[in-house]
N, C-alpha and C. Protein backbone atom coordinates (compact mmCIF):
# COMPACT_ATOMS: atom_id res chain seq x y z
N MET A 1 0.84 -1.18 0.00
CA MET A 1 0.00 0.00 0.00
C MET A 1 0.88 1.24 0.00
N VAL A 2 0.69 2.09 -0.93
CA VAL A 2 1.40 3.37 -0.99
C VAL A 2 0.62 4.36 -0.15
N THR A 3 1.33 5.11 0.68
CA THR A 3 0.68 6.05 1.58
C THR A 3 0.18 7.27 0.81
N SER A 4 -0.53 8.13 1.50
CA SER A 4 -1.07 9.33 0.86
C SER A 4 0.02 10.28 0.38
N THR A 5 1.25 10.11 0.89
CA THR A 5 2.37 10.93 0.45
C THR A 5 3.00 10.39 -0.82
N GLY A 6 2.52 9.23 -1.27
CA GLY A 6 3.08 8.61 -2.47
C GLY A 6 4.26 7.71 -2.19
N ARG A 7 4.59 7.54 -0.92
CA ARG A 7 5.71 6.69 -0.53
C ARG A 7 5.19 5.31 -0.12
N PRO A 8 5.98 4.26 -0.34
CA PRO A 8 5.54 2.93 0.10
C PRO A 8 5.49 2.84 1.62
N SER A 9 4.66 1.95 2.13
CA SER A 9 4.55 1.77 3.57
C SER A 9 5.77 1.01 4.10
N VAL A 10 5.97 1.06 5.42
CA VAL A 10 7.07 0.33 6.05
C VAL A 10 6.93 -1.17 5.78
N SER A 11 5.71 -1.68 5.82
CA SER A 11 5.48 -3.09 5.55
C SER A 11 5.90 -3.47 4.13
N GLU A 12 5.59 -2.62 3.17
CA GLU A 12 5.99 -2.87 1.78
C GLU A 12 7.51 -2.86 1.63
N LEU A 13 8.14 -1.90 2.26
CA LEU A 13 9.59 -1.84 2.18
C LEU A 13 10.23 -3.04 2.86
N ALA A 14 9.69 -3.45 3.99
CA ALA A 14 10.21 -4.63 4.69
C ALA A 14 10.11 -5.86 3.80
N ALA A 15 8.98 -6.04 3.16
CA ALA A 15 8.80 -7.19 2.26
C ALA A 15 9.75 -7.10 1.06
N HIS A 16 9.91 -5.91 0.51
CA HIS A 16 10.80 -5.72 -0.63
C HIS A 16 12.23 -6.11 -0.29
N TRP A 17 12.69 -5.73 0.89
CA TRP A 17 14.06 -6.01 1.30
C TRP A 17 14.17 -7.35 2.03
N GLN A 18 13.10 -8.14 2.02
CA GLN A 18 13.05 -9.50 2.53
C GLN A 18 13.31 -9.62 4.03
N PHE A 19 12.81 -8.65 4.79
CA PHE A 19 12.81 -8.77 6.24
C PHE A 19 11.63 -9.64 6.63
N ALA A 20 11.75 -10.34 7.76
CA ALA A 20 10.68 -11.22 8.23
C ALA A 20 9.42 -10.42 8.53
N ASP A 21 9.57 -9.21 9.06
CA ASP A 21 8.42 -8.37 9.38
C ASP A 21 8.88 -6.92 9.49
N SER A 22 7.92 -6.02 9.59
CA SER A 22 8.26 -4.59 9.63
C SER A 22 9.00 -4.21 10.91
N SER A 23 8.73 -4.90 12.02
CA SER A 23 9.43 -4.60 13.28
C SER A 23 10.93 -4.83 13.13
N HIS A 24 11.29 -5.91 12.48
CA HIS A 24 12.71 -6.22 12.28
C HIS A 24 13.36 -5.17 11.38
N SER A 25 12.67 -4.75 10.33
CA SER A 25 13.23 -3.74 9.44
C SER A 25 13.39 -2.40 10.15
N ILE A 26 12.44 -2.06 11.02
CA ILE A 26 12.54 -0.80 11.78
C ILE A 26 13.75 -0.83 12.71
N ARG A 27 13.96 -1.96 13.40
CA ARG A 27 15.12 -2.09 14.28
C ARG A 27 16.43 -1.98 13.48
N ALA A 28 16.49 -2.62 12.33
CA ALA A 28 17.69 -2.57 11.49
C ALA A 28 17.93 -1.14 11.00
N PHE A 29 16.88 -0.44 10.59
CA PHE A 29 17.00 0.94 10.14
C PHE A 29 17.53 1.82 11.27
N LYS A 30 16.97 1.64 12.47
CA LYS A 30 17.39 2.46 13.60
C LYS A 30 18.85 2.18 13.97
N THR A 31 19.26 0.93 13.90
CA THR A 31 20.66 0.58 14.16
C THR A 31 21.58 1.26 13.15
N GLN A 32 21.19 1.25 11.90
CA GLN A 32 22.02 1.82 10.82
C GLN A 32 22.03 3.34 10.83
N TYR A 33 20.86 3.96 11.02
CA TYR A 33 20.73 5.41 10.83
C TYR A 33 20.47 6.21 12.10
N GLY A 34 20.30 5.54 13.24
CA GLY A 34 20.14 6.25 14.50
C GLY A 34 18.76 6.83 14.75
N GLN A 35 17.80 6.49 13.90
CA GLN A 35 16.42 6.95 14.08
C GLN A 35 15.50 5.99 13.35
N THR A 36 14.24 5.99 13.75
CA THR A 36 13.28 5.12 13.10
C THR A 36 12.91 5.69 11.73
N PRO A 37 12.34 4.86 10.85
CA PRO A 37 11.90 5.39 9.56
C PRO A 37 10.91 6.55 9.71
N ALA A 38 10.01 6.47 10.69
CA ALA A 38 9.04 7.55 10.90
C ALA A 38 9.75 8.84 11.34
N GLU A 39 10.73 8.71 12.23
CA GLU A 39 11.49 9.89 12.65
C GLU A 39 12.24 10.49 11.46
N TYR A 40 12.81 9.63 10.65
CA TYR A 40 13.52 10.09 9.47
C TYR A 40 12.58 10.81 8.50
N ALA A 41 11.42 10.22 8.26
CA ALA A 41 10.46 10.81 7.32
C ALA A 41 10.00 12.18 7.80
N ARG A 42 9.79 12.32 9.12
CA ARG A 42 9.36 13.61 9.66
C ARG A 42 10.45 14.67 9.56
N SER A 43 11.72 14.24 9.69
CA SER A 43 12.82 15.21 9.72
C SER A 43 13.42 15.49 8.35
N SER A 44 13.13 14.64 7.37
CA SER A 44 13.76 14.82 6.06
C SER A 44 12.98 15.78 5.19
N SER A 45 13.69 16.38 4.29
CA SER A 45 13.04 17.19 3.26
C SER A 45 13.52 16.67 1.93
N GLY A 46 12.63 16.58 0.97
CA GLY A 46 12.99 16.05 -0.33
C GLY A 46 12.91 14.54 -0.36
N SER A 47 13.69 13.93 -1.19
CA SER A 47 13.67 12.48 -1.42
C SER A 47 14.25 11.74 -0.23
N ALA A 48 13.48 10.82 0.32
CA ALA A 48 13.95 10.02 1.45
C ALA A 48 15.14 9.17 1.04
N ALA A 49 15.07 8.52 -0.10
CA ALA A 49 16.16 7.64 -0.53
C ALA A 49 17.44 8.42 -0.80
N GLY A 50 17.33 9.62 -1.30
CA GLY A 50 18.50 10.41 -1.62
C GLY A 50 19.22 10.94 -0.40
N ASN A 51 18.55 10.99 0.75
CA ASN A 51 19.14 11.55 1.94
C ASN A 51 19.77 10.52 2.85
N LEU A 52 19.62 9.23 2.57
CA LEU A 52 20.21 8.20 3.40
C LEU A 52 21.70 8.15 3.16
N ARG A 53 22.46 8.07 4.26
CA ARG A 53 23.90 7.99 4.09
C ARG A 53 24.29 6.53 3.85
N SER A 54 25.26 6.31 3.04
CA SER A 54 25.72 4.95 2.79
C SER A 54 26.82 4.60 3.77
N SER A 55 26.98 3.31 4.01
CA SER A 55 28.02 2.90 4.96
C SER A 55 29.16 2.22 4.25
C-alpha cells in the first residue's frame, strides 16, 4: 500500500528487502541510521532515498 504521500509503507519496504516483518526492518533501520523510519520521514526534506547515508 502506498501512503497518501506517495511513498511505500514500512510493511511494503520490509517485504521488498526480505525482512521477516516490519518490526525487524525498523530495528535494522534504527541501528544503521540512529532513528526510526518515521522519525527520518518527519525530519527529512525532499527524497527520502536520496538523503540516506551509505556505509
